[in-house]
C-alpha cells in the first residue's frame, strides 16, 4: 500500500461506531460470518479450512505473526461497510476532507518569483468535489501517485491559489511527503 491509501483507510476507520474485534478468535468469527463460510474465509487468508475451524473452537489461540497481520487486515477491511460508505458519501457530498501534511512543495511560476522547493506543514480543508475525486480514485484502485496528484491539485487550487484569487499561473509540485493525515 501507499501513504495516501493508508491515510484514507485510517480516516475511514476513525468513523467506525464500534471497535474492531480484538482477539484472533473474534476476528476469525467475524470473517467467517462476513465471508459466509469457513471455506471462503480460509481461501481469503491462505490457510486450510480445518485451521479456521480450530480458531473458531478455540483450539488455536495465537496465530503466527504473518497470519495475525492478514487476519487483522481482512477484518479491518470488512468491518462496518455501511458506516464506511455513509462517511465517504457525506465527505464526497457535503463535508469534504481535511488534509494535514508535512511535505516538500515546489513551484513553477512567473519569472522573478522563488520556486525553490521547501518543506511546509499544511492543514487545509478540501471541499467535497476534491474529496469525491480522492475517494472515487481510492475506490477504483488508483495508485498512490494518482492520489498524490489529486491532492496536489487540490492544495494548489485551495491553499496556494486561494480558489483563483491569486497566483494564477502557479503550478505546485508535491513531493517528499514526511507524513499525511486525512480526516472526514
Protein backbone atom coordinates (compact mmCIF):
# COMPACT_ATOMS: atom_id res chain seq x y z
CA UNK A 1 0.00 0.00 0.00
CA UNK A 2 0.98 3.63 -0.07
CA UNK A 3 0.93 6.55 2.27
CA UNK A 4 -2.25 8.07 0.76
CA UNK A 5 -4.14 4.77 0.65
CA UNK A 6 -3.20 4.03 4.27
CA UNK A 7 -4.23 7.51 5.36
CA UNK A 8 -7.63 7.19 3.64
CA UNK A 9 -8.12 3.79 5.27
CA UNK A 10 -7.30 5.26 8.70
CA UNK A 11 -9.70 8.17 8.13
CA UNK A 12 -12.43 5.71 7.26
CA UNK A 13 -11.62 3.55 10.29
CA UNK A 14 -12.00 6.61 12.54
CA UNK A 15 -15.68 6.73 11.59
CA UNK A 16 -16.48 3.28 12.99
CA UNK A 17 -19.16 3.24 15.66
CA UNK A 18 -17.98 0.02 17.31
CA UNK A 19 -14.45 -1.22 17.97
CA UNK A 20 -12.94 -3.94 15.82
CA UNK A 21 -12.78 -7.48 17.26
CA UNK A 22 -9.53 -7.76 19.20
CA UNK A 23 -8.86 -11.46 19.74
CA UNK A 24 -7.91 -13.75 16.83
CA UNK A 25 -10.90 -15.95 17.62
CA UNK A 26 -13.32 -12.99 17.44
CA UNK A 27 -11.70 -11.75 14.22
CA UNK A 28 -11.96 -15.22 12.70
CA UNK A 29 -15.61 -15.50 13.75
CA UNK A 30 -16.32 -12.16 12.09
CA UNK A 31 -14.50 -13.16 8.89
CA UNK A 32 -16.37 -16.47 8.67
CA UNK A 33 -19.66 -14.63 9.07
CA UNK A 34 -18.82 -11.91 6.52
CA UNK A 35 -17.36 -14.42 4.02
CA UNK A 36 -20.37 -16.71 4.55
CA UNK A 37 -18.43 -19.82 5.42
CA UNK A 38 -15.22 -21.33 6.67
CA UNK A 39 -14.03 -22.32 3.21
CA UNK A 40 -14.24 -18.75 1.86
CA UNK A 41 -12.52 -17.38 4.99
CA UNK A 42 -9.75 -19.95 4.63
CA UNK A 43 -9.18 -19.03 0.98
CA UNK A 44 -9.15 -15.35 1.89
CA UNK A 45 -6.42 -15.92 4.48
CA UNK A 46 -4.48 -18.57 2.58
CA UNK A 47 -4.89 -21.27 5.25
CA UNK A 48 -6.80 -24.55 5.46
CA UNK A 49 -10.47 -24.77 6.32
CA UNK A 50 -9.58 -27.02 9.27
CA UNK A 51 -7.32 -24.29 10.71
CA UNK A 52 -10.21 -21.83 10.54
CA UNK A 53 -12.42 -24.33 12.39
CA UNK A 54 -9.75 -24.74 15.07
CA UNK A 55 -9.69 -20.99 15.64
CA UNK A 56 -13.47 -20.95 15.95
CA UNK A 57 -13.40 -23.75 18.54
CA UNK A 58 -10.61 -22.05 20.48
CA UNK A 59 -8.11 -24.86 19.90
CA UNK A 60 -5.65 -22.37 18.40
CA UNK A 61 -5.33 -19.09 20.27
CA UNK A 62 -2.19 -17.37 18.99
CA UNK A 63 -1.67 -17.15 15.22
CA UNK A 64 1.72 -16.82 13.58
CA UNK A 65 2.68 -13.14 13.18
CA UNK A 66 2.09 -13.05 9.42
CA UNK A 67 -1.33 -14.74 9.81
CA UNK A 68 -2.23 -12.37 12.64
CA UNK A 69 -1.45 -9.41 10.37
CA UNK A 70 -3.52 -10.83 7.48
CA UNK A 71 -6.39 -11.65 9.83
CA UNK A 72 -6.45 -8.14 11.31
CA UNK A 73 -6.17 -6.55 7.86
CA UNK A 74 -9.03 -8.58 6.39
CA UNK A 75 -11.25 -7.91 9.41
CA UNK A 76 -10.50 -4.16 9.25
CA UNK A 77 -11.33 -4.04 5.53
CA UNK A 78 -14.72 -5.67 6.04
CA UNK A 79 -15.76 -4.03 9.33
CA UNK A 80 -18.94 -1.91 9.23
CA UNK A 81 -19.28 -1.43 5.47
CA UNK A 82 -22.43 0.70 5.72
CA UNK A 83 -20.85 3.07 8.26
CA UNK A 84 -17.80 3.33 5.99
CA UNK A 85 -19.96 4.03 2.92
CA UNK A 86 -22.06 6.63 4.76
CA UNK A 87 -18.97 8.53 5.96
CA UNK A 88 -17.44 8.51 2.47
CA UNK A 89 -20.72 9.65 0.91
CA UNK A 90 -21.02 12.51 3.40
CA UNK A 91 -17.42 13.61 2.76
CA UNK A 92 -17.96 13.47 -1.00
CA UNK A 93 -21.21 15.45 -0.98
CA UNK A 94 -21.31 17.83 1.98
CA UNK A 95 -18.44 17.92 4.47
CA UNK A 96 -15.24 17.37 2.45
CA UNK A 97 -11.89 16.15 3.79
CA UNK A 98 -9.27 17.81 5.96
CA UNK A 99 -5.69 17.13 4.92
CA UNK A 100 -2.71 17.66 7.18
CA UNK A 101 0.69 17.09 5.67
CA UNK A 102 4.34 17.88 6.02
CA UNK A 103 5.95 17.66 2.61
CA UNK A 104 8.17 19.47 0.16
CA UNK A 105 6.32 21.91 -2.08
CA UNK A 106 7.96 23.42 -5.15
CA UNK A 107 6.50 25.84 -7.66
CA UNK A 108 6.58 26.71 -11.31
CA UNK A 109 5.53 30.33 -11.53
CA UNK A 110 6.21 33.63 -13.26
CA UNK A 111 9.85 34.73 -13.67
CA UNK A 112 11.24 36.59 -10.71
CA UNK A 113 9.42 34.52 -8.09
CA UNK A 114 11.03 31.95 -5.84
CA UNK A 115 10.50 28.41 -6.99
CA UNK A 116 12.81 26.68 -4.53
CA UNK A 117 11.06 23.69 -3.01
CA UNK A 118 10.82 23.75 0.76
CA UNK A 119 9.17 21.69 3.46
CA UNK A 120 5.86 23.07 4.66
CA UNK A 121 3.36 21.96 7.25
CA UNK A 122 -0.12 22.47 5.82
CA UNK A 123 -3.52 21.77 7.32
CA UNK A 124 -6.27 22.52 4.84
CA UNK A 125 -9.92 21.61 4.48
CA UNK A 126 -10.69 20.38 0.96
CA UNK A 127 -14.20 20.90 -0.42
CA UNK A 128 -16.47 17.96 -1.31
CA UNK A 129 -15.60 17.94 -5.03
CA UNK A 130 -11.93 17.16 -4.30
CA UNK A 131 -12.96 14.73 -1.56
CA UNK A 132 -15.18 12.94 -4.08
CA UNK A 133 -12.31 12.71 -6.57
CA UNK A 134 -9.95 11.31 -3.92
CA UNK A 135 -12.48 8.77 -2.64
CA UNK A 136 -13.51 7.68 -6.14
CA UNK A 137 -9.90 7.18 -7.13
CA UNK A 138 -9.24 5.24 -3.92
CA UNK A 139 -12.28 3.04 -4.52
CA UNK A 140 -11.31 2.28 -8.12
CA UNK A 141 -7.82 1.24 -7.05
CA UNK A 142 -5.80 4.24 -8.15
CA UNK A 143 -2.10 4.22 -7.43
CA UNK A 144 -0.62 6.26 -4.63
CA UNK A 145 0.90 8.63 -7.20
CA UNK A 146 -2.51 9.30 -8.72
CA UNK A 147 -3.94 10.07 -5.28
CA UNK A 148 -0.97 12.33 -4.60
CA UNK A 149 -1.60 14.19 -7.87
CA UNK A 150 -5.24 14.80 -6.93
CA UNK A 151 -4.19 16.10 -3.51
CA UNK A 152 -1.52 18.31 -5.09
CA UNK A 153 -4.08 19.82 -7.45
CA UNK A 154 -6.49 20.40 -4.57
CA UNK A 155 -3.85 22.09 -2.41
CA UNK A 156 -2.71 24.14 -5.40
CA UNK A 157 -6.22 25.49 -6.02
CA UNK A 158 -7.43 25.87 -2.44
CA UNK A 159 -4.30 26.73 -0.43
CA UNK A 160 -1.83 28.33 -2.83
CA UNK A 161 -4.14 29.97 -5.38
CA UNK A 162 -6.91 30.76 -2.88
CA UNK A 163 -9.58 29.47 -5.29
CA UNK A 164 -8.29 31.55 -8.19
CA UNK A 165 -7.88 34.82 -6.27
CA UNK A 166 -4.07 34.97 -6.61
CA UNK A 167 -1.04 33.34 -8.29
CA UNK A 168 -2.92 32.43 -11.44
CA UNK A 169 -0.07 30.74 -13.33
CA UNK A 170 1.24 28.80 -10.34
CA UNK A 171 1.90 25.07 -10.66
CA UNK A 172 2.65 23.17 -7.44
CA UNK A 173 4.92 20.14 -7.10
CA UNK A 174 4.04 18.00 -4.05
CA UNK A 175 6.98 15.69 -3.20
CA UNK A 176 8.99 14.15 -0.33
CA UNK A 177 5.99 13.52 1.91
CA UNK A 178 7.04 13.19 5.53
CA UNK A 179 3.53 12.34 6.71
CA UNK A 180 -0.06 12.86 5.69
CA UNK A 181 -3.26 12.56 7.71
CA UNK A 182 -6.74 12.75 6.24
CA UNK A 183 -9.92 13.19 8.23
CA UNK A 184 -13.58 13.27 7.23
